[in-house]
């Protein structure tokens, strides 16, 4: 038997993810596309991006944590194919050296990886509907950053920052495309671009668009955007942006029905709907404001009844009542909170999306794209583990990073530095799904996974 060495790591489960990532040749795609022009002293620029990527997966909410999470853990580095880790300041310098061309290269790399492994990209449109949620979220930042302006930041008046637009394949929990904008840009000025780049990434032909539901909030509810989506062939579930029109349309409601799930909310069918380029149904929703007056909003959609109940996750009714259809529409729209809004929360809480701020716009975009890749890799890992432990399917990004990726263990290397065996702490309740899911895969490469006392 040849010589070998064994080392401890607090993130042995993440090391397994690193090995699996190398098997999938994910970072090789990044290396093939991204070419940052920077003087090389010890590490290639793309290697320093990998150090930051490991930091994100490991729960680091700032580049400075490269020094405390990645650099001291040589076992974890080697699992991801790194012989050593760059110092955080040099990682930061590499991010600052990124240009808009590098951002485009990273976008192309993410798109290629998504096409290789994205489950939503393999979706069978003949068998079922695809659901795309489109939305934006605020990215607060210091006032000196490029593209940092005053804008809408929920719950924060006079805040400055940037805006992040995202398209999510909701059924699969995958981020399809993202774009970073200045703080003034809202969904009304970015929806068509976001949907267009998602179409390109997913290969959405006209036939596929007719089997795709686009769900957007009021920011994407301009007439121009609604008509654009309808003319592209999408099934639409959205909200009208113009509140004054909402008040006007609500006047044609003859009967208001109290929402059985949301106290104080009422809904009714708009009897005189606003005309769009294609026929739609419209629902007015009202709630009491603090001053006692009613606040109105209008939902607009063109989904047939069976699709509406499916999107609302309710059983299909052959002869639905007026109220059943009405509240199915409200539920179908409300569920966007479990789609794109959940992904934003996962990126912010689990991946520290708003904690890493760079002054240069291109540097911030690169961080966003690294976090996008991390999000999808976590999603794919969760799906794999959930095949052996279904409760893991409900884990959000925060729990995956904090709990699932922090199972301690030991890694055994041969004299050439190749990983021979990874042993997870048998006392950790989440260790067994890793062994069950990945042991058969790793065994093909002669790498053994097991449980043991650590």
Protein backbone atom coordinates (compact mmCIF):
# COMPACT_ATOMS: atom_id res chain seq x y z
CA UNK A 1 0.00 0.00 0.00
CA UNK A 2 1.37 3.41 -0.96
CA UNK A 3 1.81 6.31 1.36
CA UNK A 4 -1.12 8.56 2.12
CA UNK A 5 -2.00 11.54 4.29
CA UNK A 6 -5.21 12.38 6.14
CA UNK A 7 -6.49 15.84 7.03
CA UNK A 8 -9.47 17.21 8.94
CA UNK A 9 -11.93 19.77 7.55
CA UNK A 10 -15.02 21.32 9.06
CA UNK A 11 -16.58 21.31 5.57
CA UNK A 12 -16.06 17.73 4.40
CA UNK A 13 -19.52 17.68 2.81
CA UNK A 14 -18.65 20.82 0.83
CA UNK A 15 -15.44 19.09 -0.20
CA UNK A 16 -17.59 16.33 -1.72
CA UNK A 17 -19.46 19.02 -3.64
CA UNK A 18 -16.10 20.32 -4.84
CA UNK A 19 -15.11 16.88 -6.09
CA UNK A 20 -18.47 16.49 -7.82
CA UNK A 21 -18.09 19.93 -9.37
CA UNK A 22 -14.75 18.88 -10.83
CA UNK A 23 -16.34 15.71 -12.20
CA UNK A 24 -18.97 17.89 -13.90
CA UNK A 25 -16.15 20.10 -15.27
CA UNK A 26 -18.05 23.22 -14.23
CA UNK A 27 -15.05 25.39 -13.51
CA UNK A 28 -13.37 24.26 -16.71
CA UNK A 29 -16.18 26.05 -18.54
CA UNK A 30 -15.41 29.24 -16.61
CA UNK A 31 -11.70 28.90 -17.36
CA UNK A 32 -12.45 28.45 -21.04
CA UNK A 33 -14.55 31.61 -21.27
CA UNK A 34 -13.23 34.12 -18.73
CA UNK A 35 -9.92 35.85 -19.46
CA UNK A 36 -9.11 38.69 -17.07
CA UNK A 37 -6.16 40.86 -18.07
CA UNK A 38 -4.11 41.12 -14.91
CA UNK A 39 -0.45 40.64 -14.09
CA UNK A 40 0.16 37.13 -12.76
CA UNK A 41 2.54 36.84 -9.82
CA UNK A 42 1.47 33.56 -8.25
CA UNK A 43 -2.14 32.75 -9.10
CA UNK A 44 -4.08 33.06 -12.33
CA UNK A 45 -7.01 35.53 -12.14
CA UNK A 46 -9.55 32.78 -12.78
CA UNK A 47 -8.05 30.81 -9.86
CA UNK A 48 -8.72 33.76 -7.58
CA UNK A 49 -12.30 33.83 -8.82
CA UNK A 50 -12.51 30.19 -7.77
CA UNK A 51 -11.27 31.10 -4.29
CA UNK A 52 -14.09 33.63 -4.03
CA UNK A 53 -16.56 31.06 -5.37
CA UNK A 54 -15.53 28.57 -2.66
CA UNK A 55 -15.90 31.35 -0.12
CA UNK A 56 -19.48 31.99 -1.28
CA UNK A 57 -20.38 28.30 -1.11
CA UNK A 58 -18.83 28.11 2.34
CA UNK A 59 -21.01 30.87 3.72
CA UNK A 60 -18.63 33.81 3.41
CA UNK A 61 -20.58 37.07 3.27
CA UNK A 62 -17.57 39.17 2.36
CA UNK A 63 -14.43 38.70 0.30
CA UNK A 64 -12.42 39.29 3.47
CA UNK A 65 -13.68 35.90 4.71
CA UNK A 66 -11.54 34.17 2.08
CA UNK A 67 -8.77 34.51 4.66
CA UNK A 68 -10.76 32.81 7.44
CA UNK A 69 -12.92 30.26 5.61
CA UNK A 70 -10.90 29.09 2.61
CA UNK A 71 -7.24 29.94 3.11
CA UNK A 72 -6.74 27.98 6.37
CA UNK A 73 -8.55 24.88 5.04
CA UNK A 74 -6.09 23.22 2.69
CA UNK A 75 -8.22 20.05 2.52
CA UNK A 76 -11.18 22.01 1.15
CA UNK A 77 -8.98 23.81 -1.35
CA UNK A 78 -7.62 20.57 -2.74
CA UNK A 79 -11.13 19.14 -3.12
CA UNK A 80 -11.89 22.04 -5.48
CA UNK A 81 -8.62 21.55 -7.35
CA UNK A 82 -6.65 24.34 -5.68
CA UNK A 83 -3.16 23.75 -4.30
CA UNK A 84 -3.34 26.96 -2.23
CA UNK A 85 -5.59 29.97 -1.75
CA UNK A 86 -4.90 33.59 -2.63
CA UNK A 87 -4.97 36.29 0.03
CA UNK A 88 -8.28 38.15 0.15
CA UNK A 89 -6.82 41.47 -0.96
CA UNK A 90 -5.51 39.93 -4.18
CA UNK A 91 -8.88 38.29 -4.78
CA UNK A 92 -10.46 41.72 -4.38
CA UNK A 93 -7.95 43.21 -6.83
CA UNK A 94 -8.88 40.59 -9.40
CA UNK A 95 -12.56 41.44 -9.04
CA UNK A 96 -11.70 45.12 -9.47
CA UNK A 97 -9.76 44.25 -12.64
CA UNK A 98 -12.84 42.74 -14.28
CA UNK A 99 -14.21 44.60 -17.29
CA UNK A 100 -17.57 44.54 -19.00
CA UNK A 101 -16.08 42.07 -21.49
CA UNK A 102 -15.19 39.75 -18.59
CA UNK A 103 -18.74 40.05 -17.31
CA UNK A 104 -20.05 39.01 -20.72
CA UNK A 105 -17.63 36.07 -20.68
CA UNK A 106 -18.87 34.98 -17.27
CA UNK A 107 -22.48 35.29 -18.40
CA UNK A 108 -21.68 33.03 -21.35
CA UNK A 109 -20.01 30.53 -19.03
CA UNK A 110 -23.03 30.50 -16.71
CA UNK A 111 -25.32 30.04 -19.69
CA UNK A 112 -23.28 27.10 -21.00
CA UNK A 113 -23.25 25.45 -17.56
CA UNK A 114 -27.00 26.01 -17.25
CA UNK A 115 -27.58 24.36 -20.61
CA UNK A 116 -25.45 21.42 -19.56
CA UNK A 117 -27.06 20.77 -16.17
CA UNK A 118 -30.16 22.94 -15.78
CA UNK A 119 -33.24 20.80 -15.28
CA UNK A 120 -35.49 23.58 -16.57
CA UNK A 121 -33.48 23.58 -19.80
CA UNK A 122 -34.42 19.90 -20.20
CA UNK A 123 -38.10 20.59 -19.49
CA UNK A 124 -40.60 18.56 -21.54
CA UNK A 125 -42.99 21.19 -22.87
CA UNK A 126 -45.33 18.60 -24.34
CA UNK A 127 -45.88 17.08 -20.91
CA UNK A 128 -46.27 20.19 -18.78
CA UNK A 129 -46.08 23.93 -18.34
CA UNK A 130 -42.89 25.87 -17.72
CA UNK A 131 -43.18 28.69 -15.15
CA UNK A 132 -40.94 31.77 -15.29
CA UNK A 133 -41.03 34.35 -12.51
CA UNK A 134 -39.51 37.74 -13.32
CA UNK A 135 -38.75 40.35 -10.68
CA UNK A 136 -36.22 42.80 -9.29
CA UNK A 137 -34.69 43.39 -5.86
CA UNK A 138 -32.76 46.26 -4.36
CA UNK A 139 -29.02 45.98 -3.75
CA UNK A 140 -28.15 48.75 -1.23
CA UNK A 141 -24.62 50.12 -1.61
CA UNK A 142 -22.41 53.07 -0.73
CA UNK A 143 -23.05 56.25 -2.65
CA UNK A 144 -19.62 56.27 -4.33
CA UNK A 145 -20.19 53.09 -6.32
CA UNK A 146 -20.76 53.10 -10.08
CA UNK A 147 -24.45 52.89 -10.89
CA UNK A 148 -25.41 53.63 -7.28
CA UNK A 149 -28.37 56.00 -7.23
CA UNK A 150 -31.45 56.68 -5.18
CA UNK A 151 -34.23 54.28 -6.00
CA UNK A 152 -36.85 51.99 -4.51
CA UNK A 153 -35.47 49.86 -1.69
CA UNK A 154 -38.19 48.15 0.33
CA UNK A 155 -38.55 49.65 3.77
CA UNK A 156 -35.64 52.06 3.33
CA UNK A 157 -36.41 55.65 2.37
CA UNK A 158 -33.78 57.73 0.59
CA UNK A 159 -31.58 54.64 0.23
CA UNK A 160 -29.02 54.33 -2.53
CA UNK A 161 -27.92 51.28 -4.40
CA UNK A 162 -28.36 49.18 -7.51
CA UNK A 163 -31.14 46.90 -8.72
CA UNK A 164 -30.90 43.21 -9.62
CA UNK A 165 -33.28 41.74 -12.19
CA UNK A 166 -33.78 37.98 -12.19
CA UNK A 167 -35.63 35.32 -14.17
CA UNK A 168 -36.31 32.11 -12.26
CA UNK A 169 -37.51 28.75 -13.54
CA UNK A 170 -39.77 28.29 -10.54
CA UNK A 171 -40.63 24.60 -10.87
CA UNK A 172 -36.93 23.75 -10.68
CA UNK A 173 -35.62 26.45 -8.35
CA UNK A 174 -33.03 27.58 -10.90
CA UNK A 175 -31.86 31.06 -11.82
CA UNK A 176 -31.99 31.32 -15.60
CA UNK A 177 -30.61 34.83 -16.10
CA UNK A 178 -29.71 37.92 -14.06
CA UNK A 179 -28.86 41.51 -14.87
CA UNK A 180 -27.56 44.27 -12.62
CA UNK A 181 -28.92 47.79 -13.12
CA UNK A 182 -28.51 51.23 -11.61
CA UNK A 183 -30.67 52.11 -8.64
CA UNK A 184 -33.24 53.99 -10.73
CA UNK A 185 -34.08 51.10 -13.04
CA UNK A 186 -37.23 49.17 -12.15
CA UNK A 187 -38.96 46.24 -13.81
CA UNK A 188 -40.90 48.48 -16.17
CA UNK A 189 -37.62 49.36 -17.90
CA UNK A 190 -35.99 45.94 -17.78
CA UNK A 191 -38.66 43.24 -18.14
CA UNK A 192 -38.38 42.83 -21.90
CA UNK A 193 -34.59 42.55 -21.74
CA UNK A 194 -34.75 40.01 -18.91
CA UNK A 195 -37.30 37.84 -20.69
CA UNK A 196 -35.41 38.08 -23.98
CA UNK A 197 -32.11 36.87 -22.51
CA UNK A 198 -33.99 34.08 -20.69
CA UNK A 199 -35.51 33.03 -24.01
CA UNK A 200 -32.04 32.81 -25.50
CA UNK A 201 -30.68 30.79 -22.59
CA UNK A 202 -33.59 28.35 -22.56
CA UNK A 203 -34.10 28.11 -26.30
CA UNK A 204 -37.73 29.24 -26.04
CA UNK A 205 -39.17 28.85 -29.50
CA UNK A 206 -42.65 30.17 -30.29
CA UNK A 207 -44.10 26.73 -29.55
CA UNK A 208 -42.33 26.57 -26.19
CA UNK A 209 -43.38 30.09 -25.25
CA UNK A 210 -47.00 29.01 -25.71
CA UNK A 211 -46.33 26.37 -23.06
CA UNK A 212 -44.69 28.86 -20.67
CA UNK A 213 -46.35 30.93 -17.96
CA UNK A 214 -44.74 34.32 -17.30
CA UNK A 215 -45.58 35.65 -13.84
CA UNK A 216 -44.71 39.27 -13.00
CA UNK A 217 -45.66 41.82 -10.36
CA UNK A 218 -46.97 45.34 -10.88
CA UNK A 219 -43.56 46.60 -12.01
CA UNK A 220 -44.03 44.63 -15.22
CA UNK A 221 -47.65 45.63 -15.61
CA UNK A 222 -47.44 48.45 -18.16
CA UNK A 223 -49.66 48.06 -21.19
CA UNK A 224 -46.57 47.85 -23.40
CA UNK A 225 -45.09 45.01 -21.35
CA UNK A 226 -48.34 43.06 -21.01
CA UNK A 227 -49.01 43.32 -24.73
CA UNK A 228 -45.40 42.38 -25.50
CA UNK A 229 -45.69 39.19 -23.42
CA UNK A 230 -49.07 38.34 -24.92
CA UNK A 231 -47.80 38.90 -28.47
CA UNK A 232 -44.77 36.71 -27.73
CA UNK A 233 -47.22 33.90 -27.01
CA UNK A 234 -46.79 33.56 -23.23
CA UNK A 235 -49.51 32.69 -20.80
CA UNK A 236 -49.53 35.63 -18.42
CA UNK A 237 -50.20 36.05 -14.72
CA UNK A 238 -49.50 39.63 -13.67
CA UNK A 239 -50.65 42.80 -12.00
CA UNK A 240 -51.62 46.06 -13.67
CA UNK A 241 -49.11 48.79 -12.82
CA UNK A 242 -51.38 51.82 -13.14
CA UNK A 243 -53.17 52.17 -9.77
CA UNK A 244 -55.51 54.80 -11.17
CA UNK A 245 -56.65 52.33 -13.80
CA UNK A 246 -57.05 49.80 -11.03
CA UNK A 247 -59.49 52.11 -9.26
CA UNK A 248 -61.38 52.68 -12.52
CA UNK A 249 -61.60 48.97 -13.34
CA UNK A 250 -62.70 48.14 -9.80
CA UNK A 251 -65.80 50.30 -10.30
CA UNK A 252 -67.17 47.68 -12.68
CA UNK A 253 -67.06 44.97 -10.00
CA UNK A 254 -70.63 44.09 -9.05
CA UNK A 255 -69.90 41.68 -6.21
CA UNK A 256 -66.97 41.67 -3.77
CA UNK A 257 -66.04 38.42 -2.04
CA UNK A 258 -64.01 38.27 1.20
CA UNK A 259 -60.79 36.28 0.84
CA UNK A 260 -61.04 33.21 3.13
CA UNK A 261 -57.24 33.06 3.49
CA UNK A 262 -56.25 36.72 3.84
CA UNK A 263 -58.32 38.66 6.41
CA UNK A 264 -59.38 42.09 5.24
CA UNK A 265 -58.83 41.35 1.56
CA UNK A 266 -61.66 41.22 -0.94
CA UNK A 267 -61.78 40.37 -4.62
CA UNK A 268 -64.19 40.56 -7.52
CA UNK A 269 -64.38 40.06 -11.26
CA UNK A 270 -63.84 43.12 -13.43
CA UNK A 271 -66.95 43.25 -15.61
CA UNK A 272 -65.52 45.84 -18.02
CA UNK A 273 -61.88 44.71 -18.46
CA UNK A 274 -59.21 46.85 -20.08
CA UNK A 275 -58.62 45.71 -23.69
CA UNK A 276 -55.20 44.25 -24.46
CA UNK A 277 -53.90 42.78 -27.71
CA UNK A 278 -55.24 39.36 -26.68
CA UNK A 279 -58.26 38.48 -24.53
CA UNK A 280 -57.61 38.42 -20.77
CA UNK A 281 -59.54 37.99 -17.55
CA UNK A 282 -59.11 40.59 -14.84
CA UNK A 283 -59.65 40.45 -11.10
CA UNK A 284 -59.84 43.48 -8.83
CA UNK A 285 -58.43 43.17 -5.32
CA UNK A 286 -58.99 45.66 -2.53
CA UNK A 287 -57.76 46.13 1.05
CA UNK A 288 -58.29 48.84 3.63
CA UNK A 289 -55.45 51.34 3.96
CA UNK A 290 -54.39 52.95 7.23
CA UNK A 291 -56.62 55.95 6.55
CA UNK A 292 -59.64 53.66 6.19
CA UNK A 293 -59.94 54.05 2.43
CA UNK A 294 -59.80 51.15 0.01
CA UNK A 295 -56.62 50.43 -1.95
CA UNK A 296 -57.15 48.70 -5.28
CA UNK A 297 -55.06 46.46 -7.51
CA UNK A 298 -55.99 44.47 -10.60
CA UNK A 299 -54.67 41.08 -11.68
CA UNK A 300 -54.63 40.26 -15.39
CA UNK A 301 -54.22 36.78 -16.86
CA UNK A 302 -55.04 34.67 -19.90
CA UNK A 303 -54.73 31.21 -18.36
CA UNK A 304 -57.47 28.67 -19.09
CA UNK A 305 -59.21 27.21 -16.05
CA UNK A 306 -57.26 23.96 -15.88
CA UNK A 307 -53.93 25.80 -16.07
CA UNK A 308 -55.10 28.35 -13.49
CA UNK A 309 -55.91 25.65 -10.93
CA UNK A 310 -52.63 23.89 -11.71
CA UNK A 311 -50.63 27.06 -11.12
CA UNK A 312 -52.55 27.68 -7.90
CA UNK A 313 -51.72 24.12 -6.80
CA UNK A 314 -55.39 23.31 -6.39
CA UNK A 315 -57.36 20.31 -7.68
CA UNK A 316 -59.00 20.77 -11.05
CA UNK A 317 -62.74 21.34 -10.88
CA UNK A 318 -64.85 20.39 -13.88
CA UNK A 319 -67.45 23.08 -13.22
CA UNK A 320 -65.77 25.64 -10.97
CA UNK A 321 -67.82 28.30 -9.24
CA UNK A 322 -67.21 32.03 -9.65
CA UNK A 323 -65.49 32.23 -6.27
CA UNK A 324 -63.35 29.14 -6.86
CA UNK A 325 -61.96 30.67 -10.05
CA UNK A 326 -61.57 34.04 -8.38
CA UNK A 327 -59.50 32.82 -5.46
CA UNK A 328 -57.55 30.38 -7.61
CA UNK A 329 -56.36 33.44 -9.54
CA UNK A 330 -55.32 35.21 -6.33
CA UNK A 331 -53.53 32.11 -5.09
CA UNK A 332 -51.74 31.60 -8.40
CA UNK A 333 -50.39 35.14 -8.22
CA UNK A 334 -49.56 35.00 -4.50
CA UNK A 335 -47.41 31.90 -5.04
CA UNK A 336 -44.81 34.06 -6.75
CA UNK A 337 -43.71 34.73 -3.17
CA UNK A 338 -42.52 31.13 -3.07
CA UNK A 339 -40.79 31.54 -6.42
CA UNK A 340 -38.62 34.48 -7.33
CA UNK A 341 -39.00 36.22 -3.96
CA UNK A 342 -37.75 33.09 -2.21
CA UNK A 343 -34.71 32.96 -4.48
CA UNK A 344 -33.86 36.58 -3.64
CA UNK A 345 -34.11 35.81 0.06
CA UNK A 346 -31.97 32.71 -0.38
CA UNK A 347 -29.28 34.64 -2.26
CA UNK A 348 -29.22 37.42 0.32
CA UNK A 349 -29.33 35.30 3.47
CA UNK A 350 -27.51 32.20 2.30
CA UNK A 351 -25.00 33.63 -0.17
CA UNK A 352 -24.49 37.12 1.26
CA UNK A 353 -25.54 38.73 -2.02
CA UNK A 354 -25.96 42.24 -0.57
CA UNK A 355 -22.96 41.99 1.78
CA UNK A 356 -20.28 42.04 -0.92
CA UNK A 357 -20.25 45.52 -2.43
CA UNK A 358 -17.74 46.77 -4.96
CA UNK A 359 -17.45 50.33 -6.23
CA UNK A 360 -16.83 49.26 -9.81
CA UNK A 361 -19.97 48.14 -11.60
CA UNK A 362 -18.26 45.31 -13.50
CA UNK A 363 -16.74 43.97 -10.26
CA UNK A 364 -20.18 43.88 -8.65
CA UNK A 365 -21.64 42.15 -11.69
CA UNK A 366 -18.94 39.48 -11.48
CA UNK A 367 -19.83 38.83 -7.84
CA UNK A 368 -23.50 38.55 -8.80
CA UNK A 369 -22.68 36.01 -11.51
CA UNK A 370 -20.52 33.94 -9.16
CA UNK A 371 -23.41 33.90 -6.69
CA UNK A 372 -25.79 32.88 -9.51
CA UNK A 373 -23.59 29.89 -10.34
CA UNK A 374 -23.34 29.02 -6.64
CA UNK A 375 -27.13 29.19 -6.28
CA UNK A 376 -27.73 26.78 -9.15
CA UNK A 377 -25.00 24.38 -8.02
CA UNK A 378 -26.60 24.29 -4.56
CA UNK A 379 -30.01 23.70 -6.13
CA UNK A 380 -28.71 20.78 -8.20
CA UNK A 381 -26.95 19.30 -5.14
CA UNK A 382 -30.13 19.61 -3.07
CA UNK A 383 -32.15 17.80 -5.73
CA UNK A 384 -29.60 15.00 -5.82
CA UNK A 385 -29.59 14.59 -2.04
CA UNK A 386 -33.39 14.80 -1.84
CA UNK A 387 -33.68 11.63 -3.90
CA UNK A 388 -32.48 9.79 -0.80
CA UNK A 389 -33.80 12.19 1.86
CA UNK A 390 -37.00 13.93 0.64
CA UNK A 391 -37.13 16.42 3.57
CA UNK A 392 -34.00 18.06 2.13
CA UNK A 393 -36.07 19.26 -0.82
CA UNK A 394 -37.57 21.89 1.48
CA UNK A 395 -34.19 23.22 2.56
CA UNK A 396 -33.51 26.79 1.48
CA UNK A 397 -30.13 28.10 0.36
CA UNK A 398 -29.29 29.28 3.89
CA UNK A 399 -29.80 25.84 5.42
CA UNK A 400 -27.90 24.17 2.61
CA UNK A 401 -24.89 26.42 3.12
CA UNK A 402 -25.05 26.64 6.90
CA UNK A 403 -25.98 23.04 7.75
CA UNK A 404 -25.60 20.67 4.80
CA UNK A 405 -22.25 22.05 3.60
CA UNK A 406 -20.73 22.17 7.08
CA UNK A 407 -20.51 18.51 7.99
CA UNK A 408 -17.07 17.85 9.44
CA UNK A 409 -14.90 14.96 8.37
CA UNK A 410 -11.55 13.70 7.16
CA UNK A 411 -10.05 13.48 3.68
CA UNK A 412 -7.43 10.90 2.72
CA UNK A 413 -4.92 11.74 -0.05
CA UNK A 414 -2.38 9.58 -1.83
CA UNK A 415 1.26 10.64 -2.31
CA UNK A 416 0.33 12.54 -5.50
CA UNK A 417 -2.39 14.53 -3.72
CA UNK A 418 -5.34 12.67 -5.23
CA UNK A 419 -8.34 12.18 -2.95
CA UNK A 420 -8.85 8.54 -2.02
CA UNK A 421 -11.52 8.72 0.66
CA UNK A 422 -13.77 11.20 2.44
CA UNK A 423 -15.21 10.28 5.82
CA UNK A 424 -18.13 12.30 7.18
CA UNK A 425 -18.97 12.65 10.86
CA UNK A 426 -21.40 9.82 11.52
CA UNK A 427 -23.09 11.80 14.31
CA UNK A 428 -24.30 14.48 11.92
CA UNK A 429 -27.94 13.87 10.98
CA UNK A 430 -27.42 15.04 7.39
CA UNK A 431 -24.32 12.98 6.63
CA UNK A 432 -26.09 9.84 5.47
CA UNK A 433 -27.88 11.42 2.46
CA UNK A 434 -24.49 12.54 1.12
CA UNK A 435 -23.15 9.00 1.33
CA UNK A 436 -26.25 7.46 -0.21
CA UNK A 437 -26.50 9.96 -3.07
CA UNK A 438 -22.88 10.37 -4.06
CA UNK A 439 -21.11 7.13 -3.11
CA UNK A 440 -22.15 5.29 -6.31
CA UNK A 441 -21.03 8.27 -8.42
CA UNK A 442 -17.67 8.70 -6.70
CA UNK A 443 -16.94 4.98 -6.66
CA UNK A 444 -16.59 5.04 -10.45
CA UNK A 445 -13.55 7.28 -9.95
CA UNK A 446 -12.11 5.15 -7.16
CA UNK A 447 -13.09 7.62 -4.43
CA UNK A 448 -14.80 6.20 -1.36
CA UNK A 449 -17.32 7.99 0.85
CA UNK A 450 -18.21 6.68 4.26
CA UNK A 451 -19.29 7.55 7.77
CA UNK A 452 -17.02 7.41 10.78
CA UNK A 453 -16.16 8.83 14.17
CA UNK A 454 -14.49 12.22 13.84
